[in-house]
Amino acid sequence: RSLTGATRVAFLVFFSSHIPITLLIDSQALLYPSSIYPKVITDLSQWYAQTFKDELMTAPFENNTWFASIVACECLFQIPFFFVAVYALCNTGRVNGKGMCWFRSACMIYGSHTATTLVPILACISKDTNTTLLEKGTLFGFYLPYLIFPLWLLYIACVSDDLFADPGITATTTATTTTTTTPSMEKKRT
C-alpha cells in the first residue's frame, strides 16, 4: 500500500520504459505521416502492428480519430507525469508523499485518466473481427499493464496516508514506541 521496495522498483521500471515507448512508438499515431521518426523506429512500429495485428497502431491513422485523441492526451498529460514520477520515485526523500500532497493528487489523476482510456482500447481489441482469440489475448497482454499499473497506483494513492512510507518500518516503530512509553508497567513488575 505504498511506493516502497519492489513496488517502487516496478513503478520506476514502468514509468521509465513508458517514456521512450510513448515518444517513439505511440506518438506515431498522432503525428502520422511524419519524417521526424528515424526509419528504424517506424519500421519497428510497422513490424509490431503487422506481426501482432494491432489495428490501432496500423498506419494510416486517419480513420482512428478517437485513438489519436487518446494518444494526444498521452503525449500532453502523461509524458510530463512520467518524468515527474521517475523523479519522485528516485528521490523519495525530497518529494512529499504524506497527506493530500501534489504528487499524491497527480497519481490519482494519472491513474484514473489512464485506466479510463484503456477501456475503449481493450473493447476495440476484443471486438476486432480480424483477429483470433489467441491474437486478442496477445494484444491484451501488451495493453493490460497500462491498465493494471495505473489502477494499482490509483489504489495506493487513495488508501495510503504516506506514499513513500515503509509499512514494515512504521509497524516496528509503532510497536517500539508502545513498549517504551509504558513505564507504569515496569513499576508493576518490580
C-alpha atoms as a PDB file:
ATOM      1  CA  ARG A   1       0.000   0.000   0.000  1.00  0.00           C
ATOM      2  CA  SER A   2       2.939   2.326  -0.589  1.00  0.00           C
ATOM      3  CA  LEU A   3       5.576   3.050  -3.213  1.00  0.00           C
ATOM      4  CA  THR A   4       8.436   1.272  -1.460  1.00  0.00           C
ATOM      5  CA  GLY A   5      10.586  -1.786  -2.061  1.00  0.00           C
ATOM      6  CA  ALA A   6       9.651  -3.968  -5.025  1.00  0.00           C
ATOM      7  CA  THR A   7       6.545  -1.850  -5.695  1.00  0.00           C
ATOM      8  CA  ARG A   8       8.700   1.267  -6.060  1.00  0.00           C
ATOM      9  CA  VAL A   9      11.070  -0.553  -8.433  1.00  0.00           C
ATOM     10  CA  ALA A  10       8.166  -1.919 -10.501  1.00  0.00           C
ATOM     11  CA  PHE A  11       6.707   1.574 -10.937  1.00  0.00           C
ATOM     12  CA  LEU A  12      10.134   3.032 -11.679  1.00  0.00           C
ATOM     13  CA  VAL A  13      10.638   0.483 -14.482  1.00  0.00           C
ATOM     14  CA  PHE A  14       7.071   1.034 -15.730  1.00  0.00           C
ATOM     15  CA  PHE A  15       7.388   4.822 -15.973  1.00  0.00           C
ATOM     16  CA  SER A  16      10.987   4.797 -17.245  1.00  0.00           C
ATOM     17  CA  SER A  17      10.121   2.366 -20.046  1.00  0.00           C
ATOM     18  CA  HIS A  18       6.900   4.193 -20.872  1.00  0.00           C
ATOM     19  CA  ILE A  19       8.756   7.415 -21.785  1.00  0.00           C
ATOM     20  CA  PRO A  20      10.512   6.074 -24.922  1.00  0.00           C
ATOM     21  CA  ILE A  21       7.513   3.904 -25.873  1.00  0.00           C
ATOM     22  CA  THR A  22       5.225   6.937 -25.856  1.00  0.00           C
ATOM     23  CA  LEU A  23       7.671   9.299 -27.537  1.00  0.00           C
ATOM     24  CA  LEU A  24       8.846   6.906 -30.241  1.00  0.00           C
ATOM     25  CA  ILE A  25       6.011   4.446 -30.866  1.00  0.00           C
ATOM     26  CA  ASP A  26       2.624   5.656 -29.601  1.00  0.00           C
ATOM     27  CA  SER A  27       3.074   9.227 -30.803  1.00  0.00           C
ATOM     28  CA  GLN A  28       3.316   7.983 -34.411  1.00  0.00           C
ATOM     29  CA  ALA A  29      -0.481   7.588 -34.319  1.00  0.00           C
ATOM     30  CA  LEU A  30      -0.749  11.308 -33.610  1.00  0.00           C
ATOM     31  CA  LEU A  31       1.994  12.710 -35.824  1.00  0.00           C
ATOM     32  CA  TYR A  32       1.477  10.449 -38.851  1.00  0.00           C
ATOM     33  CA  PRO A  33       2.664  10.816 -41.575  1.00  0.00           C
ATOM     34  CA  SER A  34       5.863  12.404 -40.419  1.00  0.00           C
ATOM     35  CA  SER A  35       9.514  12.128 -41.193  1.00  0.00           C
ATOM     36  CA  ILE A  36      10.530  13.133 -37.672  1.00  0.00           C
ATOM     37  CA  TYR A  37      10.958   9.484 -36.679  1.00  0.00           C
ATOM     38  CA  PRO A  38      14.049   7.509 -37.625  1.00  0.00           C
ATOM     39  CA  LYS A  39      13.286   4.790 -40.171  1.00  0.00           C
ATOM     40  CA  VAL A  40      14.259   2.066 -37.720  1.00  0.00           C
ATOM     41  CA  ILE A  41      11.570   3.312 -35.307  1.00  0.00           C
ATOM     42  CA  THR A  42       8.821   3.483 -37.951  1.00  0.00           C
ATOM     43  CA  ASP A  43       9.870   0.042 -39.193  1.00  0.00           C
ATOM     44  CA  LEU A  44       9.671  -1.304 -35.628  1.00  0.00           C
ATOM     45  CA  SER A  45       6.189   0.158 -35.185  1.00  0.00           C
ATOM     46  CA  GLN A  46       5.011  -1.285 -38.516  1.00  0.00           C
ATOM     47  CA  TRP A  47       6.543  -4.680 -37.694  1.00  0.00           C
ATOM     48  CA  TYR A  48       4.737  -4.724 -34.339  1.00  0.00           C
ATOM     49  CA  ALA A  49       1.367  -3.696 -35.846  1.00  0.00           C
ATOM     50  CA  GLN A  50       1.595  -6.279 -38.641  1.00  0.00           C
ATOM     51  CA  THR A  51       3.021  -9.120 -36.563  1.00  0.00           C
ATOM     52  CA  PHE A  52       0.515  -8.797 -33.722  1.00  0.00           C
ATOM     53  CA  LYS A  53      -2.387  -7.456 -35.825  1.00  0.00           C
ATOM     54  CA  ASP A  54      -2.771  -4.321 -33.725  1.00  0.00           C
ATOM     55  CA  GLU A  55      -5.261  -2.370 -35.840  1.00  0.00           C
ATOM     56  CA  LEU A  56      -4.958   0.683 -33.575  1.00  0.00           C
ATOM     57  CA  MET A  57      -1.251   1.033 -34.336  1.00  0.00           C
ATOM     58  CA  THR A  58      -1.577   0.264 -38.043  1.00  0.00           C
ATOM     59  CA  ALA A  59      -0.922   3.164 -40.410  1.00  0.00           C
ATOM     60  CA  PRO A  60      -2.593   5.154 -41.838  1.00  0.00           C
ATOM     61  CA  PHE A  61      -4.236   6.563 -38.727  1.00  0.00           C
ATOM     62  CA  GLU A  62      -6.771   8.919 -40.326  1.00  0.00           C
ATOM     63  CA  ASN A  63      -9.681   6.572 -39.563  1.00  0.00           C
ATOM     64  CA  ASN A  64      -8.844   6.360 -35.859  1.00  0.00           C
ATOM     65  CA  THR A  65      -9.547   9.919 -34.743  1.00  0.00           C
ATOM     66  CA  TRP A  66     -10.697   8.757 -31.314  1.00  0.00           C
ATOM     67  CA  PHE A  67      -7.443   6.801 -30.847  1.00  0.00           C
ATOM     68  CA  ALA A  68      -5.352   9.757 -31.998  1.00  0.00           C
ATOM     69  CA  SER A  69      -7.143  11.902 -29.401  1.00  0.00           C
ATOM     70  CA  ILE A  70      -6.225   9.393 -26.681  1.00  0.00           C
ATOM     71  CA  VAL A  71      -2.616   9.444 -27.868  1.00  0.00           C
ATOM     72  CA  ALA A  72      -2.724  13.267 -27.835  1.00  0.00           C
ATOM     73  CA  CYS A  73      -3.750  13.148 -24.169  1.00  0.00           C
ATOM     74  CA  GLU A  74      -0.974  10.636 -23.540  1.00  0.00           C
ATOM     75  CA  CYS A  75       1.587  12.975 -25.113  1.00  0.00           C
ATOM     76  CA  LEU A  76       0.297  16.170 -23.492  1.00  0.00           C
ATOM     77  CA  PHE A  77      -0.556  14.955 -19.985  1.00  0.00           C
ATOM     78  CA  GLN A  78       1.007  11.577 -19.329  1.00  0.00           C
ATOM     79  CA  ILE A  79       4.546  12.158 -20.629  1.00  0.00           C
ATOM     80  CA  PRO A  80       5.140  15.049 -18.199  1.00  0.00           C
ATOM     81  CA  PHE A  81       3.806  12.855 -15.385  1.00  0.00           C
ATOM     82  CA  PHE A  82       6.185  10.018 -16.368  1.00  0.00           C
ATOM     83  CA  PHE A  83       9.154  12.320 -15.808  1.00  0.00           C
ATOM     84  CA  VAL A  84       7.719  13.610 -12.525  1.00  0.00           C
ATOM     85  CA  ALA A  85       7.016  10.050 -11.343  1.00  0.00           C
ATOM     86  CA  VAL A  86      10.538   8.866 -12.204  1.00  0.00           C
ATOM     87  CA  TYR A  87      11.970  11.860 -10.330  1.00  0.00           C
ATOM     88  CA  ALA A  88       9.714  11.255  -7.316  1.00  0.00           C
ATOM     89  CA  LEU A  89      10.472   7.525  -7.195  1.00  0.00           C
ATOM     90  CA  CYS A  90      14.225   8.201  -7.415  1.00  0.00           C
ATOM     91  CA  ASN A  91      14.075  10.994  -4.799  1.00  0.00           C
ATOM     92  CA  THR A  92      11.565   9.800  -2.221  1.00  0.00           C
ATOM     93  CA  GLY A  93      13.304  11.850   0.484  1.00  0.00           C
ATOM     94  CA  ARG A  94      12.762  15.084  -1.463  1.00  0.00           C
ATOM     95  CA  VAL A  95       9.169  14.537  -2.569  1.00  0.00           C
ATOM     96  CA  ASN A  96       6.392  14.793  -0.013  1.00  0.00           C
ATOM     97  CA  GLY A  97       4.206  11.692  -0.125  1.00  0.00           C
ATOM     98  CA  LYS A  98       2.182  12.493   3.010  1.00  0.00           C
ATOM     99  CA  GLY A  99      -1.414  13.575   3.187  1.00  0.00           C
ATOM    100  CA  MET A 100      -3.035  15.163   0.152  1.00  0.00           C
ATOM    101  CA  CYS A 101       0.246  16.324  -1.393  1.00  0.00           C
ATOM    102  CA  TRP A 102       0.661  17.381  -5.020  1.00  0.00           C
ATOM    103  CA  PHE A 103       2.293  14.077  -6.003  1.00  0.00           C
ATOM    104  CA  ARG A 104      -0.493  12.010  -4.477  1.00  0.00           C
ATOM    105  CA  SER A 105      -3.084  14.117  -6.337  1.00  0.00           C
ATOM    106  CA  ALA A 106      -1.115  13.713  -9.583  1.00  0.00           C
ATOM    107  CA  CYS A 107      -1.039   9.925  -9.064  1.00  0.00           C
ATOM    108  CA  MET A 108      -4.823   9.880  -8.643  1.00  0.00           C
ATOM    109  CA  ILE A 109      -5.365  11.962 -11.778  1.00  0.00           C
ATOM    110  CA  TYR A 110      -2.917   9.919 -13.852  1.00  0.00           C
ATOM    111  CA  GLY A 111      -4.288   6.583 -12.612  1.00  0.00           C
ATOM    112  CA  SER A 112      -7.932   7.388 -13.233  1.00  0.00           C
ATOM    113  CA  HIS A 113      -7.307   9.080 -16.593  1.00  0.00           C
ATOM    114  CA  THR A 114      -5.115   6.306 -17.984  1.00  0.00           C
ATOM    115  CA  ALA A 115      -7.332   3.471 -16.768  1.00  0.00           C
ATOM    116  CA  THR A 116     -10.293   5.176 -18.407  1.00  0.00           C
ATOM    117  CA  THR A 117      -8.519   5.456 -21.764  1.00  0.00           C
ATOM    118  CA  LEU A 118      -7.742   1.738 -21.748  1.00  0.00           C
ATOM    119  CA  VAL A 119     -11.414   0.742 -21.644  1.00  0.00           C
ATOM    120  CA  PRO A 120     -12.216   1.686 -25.284  1.00  0.00           C
ATOM    121  CA  ILE A 121      -8.841   0.369 -26.433  1.00  0.00           C
ATOM    122  CA  LEU A 122      -9.439  -3.048 -24.867  1.00  0.00           C
ATOM    123  CA  ALA A 123     -13.027  -3.016 -26.162  1.00  0.00           C
ATOM    124  CA  CYS A 124     -11.773  -2.435 -29.732  1.00  0.00           C
ATOM    125  CA  ILE A 125      -9.302  -5.271 -29.401  1.00  0.00           C
ATOM    126  CA  SER A 126     -11.957  -7.638 -28.062  1.00  0.00           C
ATOM    127  CA  LYS A 127     -14.428  -6.726 -30.859  1.00  0.00           C
ATOM    128  CA  ASP A 128     -11.910  -6.898 -33.731  1.00  0.00           C
ATOM    129  CA  THR A 129     -13.254  -9.486 -36.173  1.00  0.00           C
ATOM    130  CA  ASN A 130      -9.911  -9.755 -37.993  1.00  0.00           C
ATOM    131  CA  THR A 131      -8.077 -11.333 -35.046  1.00  0.00           C
ATOM    132  CA  THR A 132      -8.259 -14.777 -33.473  1.00  0.00           C
ATOM    133  CA  LEU A 133      -8.771 -15.382 -29.778  1.00  0.00           C
ATOM    134  CA  LEU A 134      -5.041 -16.061 -29.389  1.00  0.00           C
ATOM    135  CA  GLU A 135      -4.153 -12.796 -31.164  1.00  0.00           C
ATOM    136  CA  LYS A 136      -6.609 -10.899 -28.964  1.00  0.00           C
ATOM    137  CA  GLY A 137      -5.024 -12.500 -25.897  1.00  0.00           C
ATOM    138  CA  THR A 138      -1.571 -11.458 -27.057  1.00  0.00           C
ATOM    139  CA  LEU A 139      -2.722  -7.866 -27.608  1.00  0.00           C
ATOM    140  CA  PHE A 140      -4.382  -7.865 -24.190  1.00  0.00           C
ATOM    141  CA  GLY A 141      -1.026  -8.985 -22.800  1.00  0.00           C
ATOM    142  CA  PHE A 142       0.612  -5.910 -24.339  1.00  0.00           C
ATOM    143  CA  TYR A 143      -2.066  -3.458 -23.214  1.00  0.00           C
ATOM    144  CA  LEU A 144      -3.094  -4.792 -19.773  1.00  0.00           C
ATOM    145  CA  PRO A 145      -0.021  -3.456 -17.914  1.00  0.00           C
ATOM    146  CA  TYR A 146      -1.154   0.021 -18.998  1.00  0.00           C
ATOM    147  CA  LEU A 147      -4.432  -0.649 -17.198  1.00  0.00           C
ATOM    148  CA  ILE A 148      -3.088  -2.566 -14.189  1.00  0.00           C
ATOM    149  CA  PHE A 149      -0.281  -0.180 -13.199  1.00  0.00           C
ATOM    150  CA  PRO A 150      -2.459   2.957 -13.304  1.00  0.00           C
ATOM    151  CA  LEU A 151      -5.198   1.208 -11.292  1.00  0.00           C
ATOM    152  CA  TRP A 152      -2.596  -0.039  -8.820  1.00  0.00           C
ATOM    153  CA  LEU A 153      -1.189   3.489  -8.471  1.00  0.00           C
ATOM    154  CA  LEU A 154      -4.690   4.912  -8.043  1.00  0.00           C
ATOM    155  CA  TYR A 155      -5.368   2.359  -5.288  1.00  0.00           C
ATOM    156  CA  ILE A 156      -2.117   3.199  -3.484  1.00  0.00           C
ATOM    157  CA  ALA A 157      -2.796   6.936  -3.733  1.00  0.00           C
ATOM    158  CA  CYS A 158      -6.343   6.512  -2.394  1.00  0.00           C
ATOM    159  CA  VAL A 159      -5.579   4.252   0.581  1.00  0.00           C
ATOM    160  CA  SER A 160      -2.126   5.375   1.695  1.00  0.00           C
ATOM    161  CA  ASP A 161      -1.537   8.257   4.088  1.00  0.00           C
ATOM    162  CA  ASP A 162       2.104   8.367   3.005  1.00  0.00           C
ATOM    163  CA  LEU A 163       3.023   7.157  -0.494  1.00  0.00           C
ATOM    164  CA  PHE A 164       6.643   6.527   0.451  1.00  0.00           C
ATOM    165  CA  ALA A 165       6.222   5.115   3.980  1.00  0.00           C
ATOM    166  CA  ASP A 166       7.596   1.646   4.526  1.00  0.00           C
ATOM    167  CA  PRO A 167       4.773  -0.273   6.250  1.00  0.00           C
ATOM    168  CA  GLY A 168       7.281  -2.599   7.954  1.00  0.00           C
ATOM    169  CA  ILE A 169       9.212   0.304   9.471  1.00  0.00           C
ATOM    170  CA  THR A 170       6.024   2.065  10.534  1.00  0.00           C
ATOM    171  CA  ALA A 171       4.730  -1.061  12.274  1.00  0.00           C
ATOM    172  CA  THR A 172       8.066  -1.645  14.040  1.00  0.00           C
ATOM    173  CA  THR A 173       8.291   1.981  15.114  1.00  0.00           C
ATOM    174  CA  THR A 174       4.749   1.861  16.495  1.00  0.00           C
ATOM    175  CA  ALA A 175       5.440  -1.340  18.422  1.00  0.00           C
ATOM    176  CA  THR A 176       8.683   0.042  19.828  1.00  0.00           C
ATOM    177  CA  THR A 177       7.031   3.292  20.841  1.00  0.00           C
ATOM    178  CA  THR A 178       4.245   1.389  22.596  1.00  0.00           C
ATOM    179  CA  THR A 179       6.635  -0.708  24.678  1.00  0.00           C
ATOM    180  CA  THR A 180       8.911   2.179  25.612  1.00  0.00           C
ATOM    181  CA  THR A 181       6.130   4.592  26.568  1.00  0.00           C
ATOM    182  CA  THR A 182       4.612   2.411  29.263  1.00  0.00           C
ATOM    183  CA  PRO A 183       6.859   2.930  32.310  1.00  0.00           C
ATOM    184  CA  SER A 184       3.969   2.119  34.670  1.00  0.00           C
ATOM    185  CA  MET A 185       4.191  -1.486  33.519  1.00  0.00           C
ATOM    186  CA  GLU A 186       7.854  -1.572  34.561  1.00  0.00           C
ATOM    187  CA  LYS A 187       6.949  -0.362  38.093  1.00  0.00           C
ATOM    188  CA  LYS A 188       4.358  -3.113  38.476  1.00  0.00           C
ATOM    189  CA  ARG A 189       6.928  -5.813  37.560  1.00  0.00           C
ATOM    190  CA  THR A 190       9.373  -4.736  40.309  1.00  0.00           C
END
